[in-house]
């Protein structure tokens, strides 16, 4: 119904603290203001009415000199383990969660930061997107059914 999951104690407080320190270090090295819209559709822009945060990419990884490679490797391993468990559970309507097809970023929210409910692709078909990339379509987004993309 709510379309999200909470996994209590998935990370320890100590792990969380180390990841927070890594996120701050990576942000200082290569972080940027979070945008809304899509780079692919030319609609990406900073809009603090919708989103006020900074982000740092983990896929692709930041420079080795930024923060702690060991902490990020541990996080990636934990995320991949969770992904394998979810795929093994054969949950209905679960999208494919293959490695490198799952987005993984650090998001840093200052005091007063937010990310409001929004349409991910408001200009492309009024928020409707192609669902899936079939091999028969050459790996493109041509073909497949449509889905409404709303983020919370």
C-alpha atoms as a PDB file:
ATOM      1  CA  UNK A   1       0.000   0.000   0.000  1.00  0.00           C
ATOM      2  CA  UNK A   2       2.680   2.538   0.962  1.00  0.00           C
ATOM      3  CA  UNK A   3       5.224   1.147  -1.570  1.00  0.00           C
ATOM      4  CA  UNK A   4       8.230   1.438   0.710  1.00  0.00           C
ATOM      5  CA  UNK A   5       9.950  -0.780   3.221  1.00  0.00           C
ATOM      6  CA  UNK A   6      11.678  -0.129   6.523  1.00  0.00           C
ATOM      7  CA  UNK A   7      14.290  -2.639   7.650  1.00  0.00           C
ATOM      8  CA  UNK A   8      14.930  -2.009  11.368  1.00  0.00           C
ATOM      9  CA  UNK A   9      18.593  -2.131  12.379  1.00  0.00           C
ATOM     10  CA  UNK A  10      19.747  -2.874   8.832  1.00  0.00           C
ATOM     11  CA  UNK A  11      22.855  -0.834   9.666  1.00  0.00           C
ATOM     12  CA  UNK A  12      24.286  -0.341  13.127  1.00  0.00           C
ATOM     13  CA  UNK A  13      24.613   3.133  14.641  1.00  0.00           C
ATOM     14  CA  UNK A  14      28.382   2.865  14.244  1.00  0.00           C
ATOM     15  CA  UNK A  15      28.045   1.993  10.533  1.00  0.00           C
ATOM     16  CA  UNK A  16      25.590   4.834  10.068  1.00  0.00           C
ATOM     17  CA  UNK A  17      28.011   7.272  11.704  1.00  0.00           C
ATOM     18  CA  UNK A  18      30.904   6.129   9.493  1.00  0.00           C
ATOM     19  CA  UNK A  19      28.755   6.403   6.362  1.00  0.00           C
ATOM     20  CA  UNK A  20      27.638   9.882   7.409  1.00  0.00           C
ATOM     21  CA  UNK A  21      31.280  10.940   7.801  1.00  0.00           C
ATOM     22  CA  UNK A  22      32.055   9.437   4.384  1.00  0.00           C
ATOM     23  CA  UNK A  23      29.097  11.263   2.799  1.00  0.00           C
ATOM     24  CA  UNK A  24      30.317  14.600   4.196  1.00  0.00           C
ATOM     25  CA  UNK A  25      33.864  13.915   2.903  1.00  0.00           C
ATOM     26  CA  UNK A  26      32.645  12.873  -0.555  1.00  0.00           C
ATOM     27  CA  UNK A  27      30.341  15.908  -0.679  1.00  0.00           C
ATOM     28  CA  UNK A  28      33.300  18.196   0.019  1.00  0.00           C
ATOM     29  CA  UNK A  29      35.181  16.528  -2.858  1.00  0.00           C
ATOM     30  CA  UNK A  30      32.538  16.017  -5.545  1.00  0.00           C
ATOM     31  CA  UNK A  31      29.053  16.766  -4.209  1.00  0.00           C
ATOM     32  CA  UNK A  32      26.576  18.942  -6.062  1.00  0.00           C
ATOM     33  CA  UNK A  33      23.183  20.583  -5.625  1.00  0.00           C
ATOM     34  CA  UNK A  34      20.406  18.086  -6.316  1.00  0.00           C
ATOM     35  CA  UNK A  35      18.323  18.804  -9.373  1.00  0.00           C
ATOM     36  CA  UNK A  36      14.806  17.910 -10.406  1.00  0.00           C
ATOM     37  CA  UNK A  37      13.829  16.840 -13.911  1.00  0.00           C
ATOM     38  CA  UNK A  38      15.841  14.724 -16.305  1.00  0.00           C
ATOM     39  CA  UNK A  39      19.248  15.243 -17.869  1.00  0.00           C
ATOM     40  CA  UNK A  40      18.142  12.897 -20.697  1.00  0.00           C
ATOM     41  CA  UNK A  41      15.112  15.063 -21.530  1.00  0.00           C
ATOM     42  CA  UNK A  42      16.896  18.391 -20.988  1.00  0.00           C
ATOM     43  CA  UNK A  43      14.626  19.286 -18.056  1.00  0.00           C
ATOM     44  CA  UNK A  44      17.177  19.012 -15.203  1.00  0.00           C
ATOM     45  CA  UNK A  45      17.297  22.132 -13.069  1.00  0.00           C
ATOM     46  CA  UNK A  46      17.848  23.172  -9.477  1.00  0.00           C
ATOM     47  CA  UNK A  47      14.437  24.022  -7.989  1.00  0.00           C
ATOM     48  CA  UNK A  48      14.573  24.551  -4.224  1.00  0.00           C
ATOM     49  CA  UNK A  49      10.756  24.731  -4.048  1.00  0.00           C
ATOM     50  CA  UNK A  50      10.700  21.003  -4.914  1.00  0.00           C
ATOM     51  CA  UNK A  51      14.068  19.812  -3.630  1.00  0.00           C
ATOM     52  CA  UNK A  52      16.691  21.273  -1.340  1.00  0.00           C
ATOM     53  CA  UNK A  53      19.572  18.846  -0.880  1.00  0.00           C
ATOM     54  CA  UNK A  54      23.023  17.892  -2.087  1.00  0.00           C
ATOM     55  CA  UNK A  55      24.070  14.568  -3.519  1.00  0.00           C
ATOM     56  CA  UNK A  56      27.151  12.495  -4.243  1.00  0.00           C
ATOM     57  CA  UNK A  57      27.291   9.521  -6.548  1.00  0.00           C
ATOM     58  CA  UNK A  58      28.317   6.090  -5.291  1.00  0.00           C
ATOM     59  CA  UNK A  59      27.592   4.470  -8.718  1.00  0.00           C
ATOM     60  CA  UNK A  60      29.820   5.642 -10.421  1.00  0.00           C
ATOM     61  CA  UNK A  61      32.182   5.872  -7.484  1.00  0.00           C
ATOM     62  CA  UNK A  62      33.884   9.064  -6.343  1.00  0.00           C
ATOM     63  CA  UNK A  63      37.670   9.419  -6.364  1.00  0.00           C
ATOM     64  CA  UNK A  64      39.487   7.008  -4.045  1.00  0.00           C
ATOM     65  CA  UNK A  65      40.990   9.971  -2.196  1.00  0.00           C
ATOM     66  CA  UNK A  66      37.497  11.166  -1.168  1.00  0.00           C
ATOM     67  CA  UNK A  67      36.274   9.737   2.124  1.00  0.00           C
ATOM     68  CA  UNK A  68      36.499   6.025   2.877  1.00  0.00           C
ATOM     69  CA  UNK A  69      36.541   3.473   0.064  1.00  0.00           C
ATOM     70  CA  UNK A  70      36.210   0.748   2.709  1.00  0.00           C
ATOM     71  CA  UNK A  71      32.931   2.205   4.056  1.00  0.00           C
ATOM     72  CA  UNK A  72      31.475   2.604   0.556  1.00  0.00           C
ATOM     73  CA  UNK A  73      32.504  -0.950  -0.370  1.00  0.00           C
ATOM     74  CA  UNK A  74      30.706  -2.189   2.751  1.00  0.00           C
ATOM     75  CA  UNK A  75      27.576  -0.243   1.829  1.00  0.00           C
ATOM     76  CA  UNK A  76      27.613  -1.516  -1.755  1.00  0.00           C
ATOM     77  CA  UNK A  77      28.026  -5.095  -0.485  1.00  0.00           C
ATOM     78  CA  UNK A  78      25.122  -4.632   1.945  1.00  0.00           C
ATOM     79  CA  UNK A  79      22.891  -3.137  -0.786  1.00  0.00           C
ATOM     80  CA  UNK A  80      23.760  -5.975  -3.177  1.00  0.00           C
ATOM     81  CA  UNK A  81      22.983  -8.525  -0.444  1.00  0.00           C
ATOM     82  CA  UNK A  82      19.604  -6.896   0.179  1.00  0.00           C
ATOM     83  CA  UNK A  83      18.954  -6.822  -3.572  1.00  0.00           C
ATOM     84  CA  UNK A  84      19.677 -10.568  -3.842  1.00  0.00           C
ATOM     85  CA  UNK A  85      17.344 -11.301  -0.895  1.00  0.00           C
ATOM     86  CA  UNK A  86      14.529  -9.248  -2.443  1.00  0.00           C
ATOM     87  CA  UNK A  87      14.914 -10.910  -5.833  1.00  0.00           C
ATOM     88  CA  UNK A  88      14.936 -14.368  -4.192  1.00  0.00           C
ATOM     89  CA  UNK A  89      11.678 -13.540  -2.373  1.00  0.00           C
ATOM     90  CA  UNK A  90       9.753 -13.464  -5.686  1.00  0.00           C
ATOM     91  CA  UNK A  91       7.609 -10.531  -4.581  1.00  0.00           C
ATOM     92  CA  UNK A  92       4.855  -9.530  -6.994  1.00  0.00           C
ATOM     93  CA  UNK A  93       5.514  -6.521  -9.251  1.00  0.00           C
ATOM     94  CA  UNK A  94       9.091  -6.091  -8.031  1.00  0.00           C
ATOM     95  CA  UNK A  95      11.220  -4.421 -10.729  1.00  0.00           C
ATOM     96  CA  UNK A  96      14.551  -5.903 -11.718  1.00  0.00           C
ATOM     97  CA  UNK A  97      17.220  -4.791  -9.242  1.00  0.00           C
ATOM     98  CA  UNK A  98      20.384  -5.955 -11.021  1.00  0.00           C
ATOM     99  CA  UNK A  99      23.724  -4.455  -9.979  1.00  0.00           C
ATOM    100  CA  UNK A 100      24.463  -1.143 -11.698  1.00  0.00           C
ATOM    101  CA  UNK A 101      20.781  -0.820 -12.640  1.00  0.00           C
ATOM    102  CA  UNK A 102      20.035   0.359  -9.111  1.00  0.00           C
ATOM    103  CA  UNK A 103      20.787   3.995  -8.350  1.00  0.00           C
ATOM    104  CA  UNK A 104      22.936   4.558  -5.278  1.00  0.00           C
ATOM    105  CA  UNK A 105      23.770   8.045  -4.008  1.00  0.00           C
ATOM    106  CA  UNK A 106      24.458   9.837  -0.782  1.00  0.00           C
ATOM    107  CA  UNK A 107      21.806  12.511  -0.226  1.00  0.00           C
ATOM    108  CA  UNK A 108      22.574  15.270   2.252  1.00  0.00           C
ATOM    109  CA  UNK A 109      19.720  17.390   3.598  1.00  0.00           C
ATOM    110  CA  UNK A 110      20.578  20.599   5.452  1.00  0.00           C
ATOM    111  CA  UNK A 111      18.320  21.951   8.178  1.00  0.00           C
ATOM    112  CA  UNK A 112      15.149  22.852   6.272  1.00  0.00           C
ATOM    113  CA  UNK A 113      16.108  20.575   3.382  1.00  0.00           C
ATOM    114  CA  UNK A 114      13.360  18.603   1.649  1.00  0.00           C
ATOM    115  CA  UNK A 115      12.260  16.642  -1.401  1.00  0.00           C
ATOM    116  CA  UNK A 116       8.554  17.124  -2.044  1.00  0.00           C
ATOM    117  CA  UNK A 117       6.206  14.759  -3.839  1.00  0.00           C
ATOM    118  CA  UNK A 118       6.599  15.288  -7.575  1.00  0.00           C
ATOM    119  CA  UNK A 119       6.355  13.765 -11.040  1.00  0.00           C
ATOM    120  CA  UNK A 120       9.756  12.459 -12.150  1.00  0.00           C
ATOM    121  CA  UNK A 121       9.037  13.309 -15.805  1.00  0.00           C
ATOM    122  CA  UNK A 122       6.418  16.075 -15.823  1.00  0.00           C
ATOM    123  CA  UNK A 123       7.169  17.211 -19.391  1.00  0.00           C
ATOM    124  CA  UNK A 124       7.388  13.821 -21.073  1.00  0.00           C
ATOM    125  CA  UNK A 125       3.855  12.499 -21.640  1.00  0.00           C
ATOM    126  CA  UNK A 126       2.557  14.221 -18.476  1.00  0.00           C
ATOM    127  CA  UNK A 127       4.606  11.989 -16.198  1.00  0.00           C
ATOM    128  CA  UNK A 128       4.100   8.713 -18.078  1.00  0.00           C
ATOM    129  CA  UNK A 129       7.198   6.671 -18.907  1.00  0.00           C
ATOM    130  CA  UNK A 130       7.947   3.505 -20.809  1.00  0.00           C
ATOM    131  CA  UNK A 131       8.254   0.551 -18.437  1.00  0.00           C
ATOM    132  CA  UNK A 132      11.273  -1.646 -19.053  1.00  0.00           C
ATOM    133  CA  UNK A 133      13.843  -2.008 -21.757  1.00  0.00           C
ATOM    134  CA  UNK A 134      13.234  -5.168 -23.747  1.00  0.00           C
ATOM    135  CA  UNK A 135      16.175  -6.819 -25.524  1.00  0.00           C
ATOM    136  CA  UNK A 136      13.919  -7.185 -28.574  1.00  0.00           C
ATOM    137  CA  UNK A 137      13.747  -3.385 -28.708  1.00  0.00           C
ATOM    138  CA  UNK A 138      17.510  -3.098 -28.889  1.00  0.00           C
ATOM    139  CA  UNK A 139      17.710  -2.131 -25.224  1.00  0.00           C
ATOM    140  CA  UNK A 140      15.984   1.187 -25.862  1.00  0.00           C
ATOM    141  CA  UNK A 141      12.855   2.494 -24.212  1.00  0.00           C
ATOM    142  CA  UNK A 142      10.817   1.918 -27.366  1.00  0.00           C
ATOM    143  CA  UNK A 143       8.126  -0.627 -26.706  1.00  0.00           C
ATOM    144  CA  UNK A 144       6.814  -1.880 -23.400  1.00  0.00           C
ATOM    145  CA  UNK A 145       3.884  -0.601 -21.403  1.00  0.00           C
ATOM    146  CA  UNK A 146       3.558   2.809 -19.784  1.00  0.00           C
ATOM    147  CA  UNK A 147       3.685   3.589 -16.057  1.00  0.00           C
ATOM    148  CA  UNK A 148       3.059   6.747 -14.079  1.00  0.00           C
ATOM    149  CA  UNK A 149       6.197   7.941 -12.290  1.00  0.00           C
ATOM    150  CA  UNK A 150       5.527   9.701  -9.001  1.00  0.00           C
ATOM    151  CA  UNK A 151       8.135  10.113  -6.279  1.00  0.00           C
ATOM    152  CA  UNK A 152       7.338  10.692  -2.628  1.00  0.00           C
END
